[in-house]
């Protein structure tokens, strides 16, 4: 259960990082 929770947290962090990167690219492109 602890491993599953850690895996979910990792996936959430990865998804957040991906969204952040996409926003950063969009802001740079809009400049």
Protein backbone atom coordinates (compact mmCIF):
# COMPACT_ATOMS: atom_id res chain seq x y z
CA UNK A 1 0.00 0.00 0.00
CA UNK A 2 2.88 2.35 0.81
CA UNK A 3 4.57 1.54 -2.51
CA UNK A 4 1.31 2.11 -4.37
CA UNK A 5 0.88 5.48 -2.67
CA UNK A 6 4.46 6.42 -3.52
CA UNK A 7 3.89 5.41 -7.13
CA UNK A 8 0.78 7.58 -7.30
CA UNK A 9 2.70 10.51 -5.84
CA UNK A 10 5.47 9.99 -8.39
CA UNK A 11 2.96 9.90 -11.24
CA UNK A 12 1.30 13.07 -9.94
CA UNK A 13 4.64 14.87 -9.68
CA UNK A 14 5.59 13.74 -13.18
CA UNK A 15 2.27 14.98 -14.56
CA UNK A 16 2.70 18.31 -12.78
CA UNK A 17 6.22 18.68 -14.14
CA UNK A 18 4.94 17.95 -17.66
CA UNK A 19 2.22 20.58 -17.34
CA UNK A 20 4.74 23.08 -15.99
CA UNK A 21 7.10 22.41 -18.93
CA UNK A 22 4.23 22.85 -21.39
CA UNK A 23 3.25 26.17 -19.80
CA UNK A 24 6.86 27.33 -19.85
CA UNK A 25 7.18 26.50 -23.55
CA UNK A 26 3.88 28.27 -24.28
CA UNK A 27 5.00 31.41 -22.43
CA UNK A 28 8.33 31.41 -24.28
CA UNK A 29 6.58 30.95 -27.62
CA UNK A 30 4.12 33.76 -26.87
CA UNK A 31 7.01 36.12 -26.11
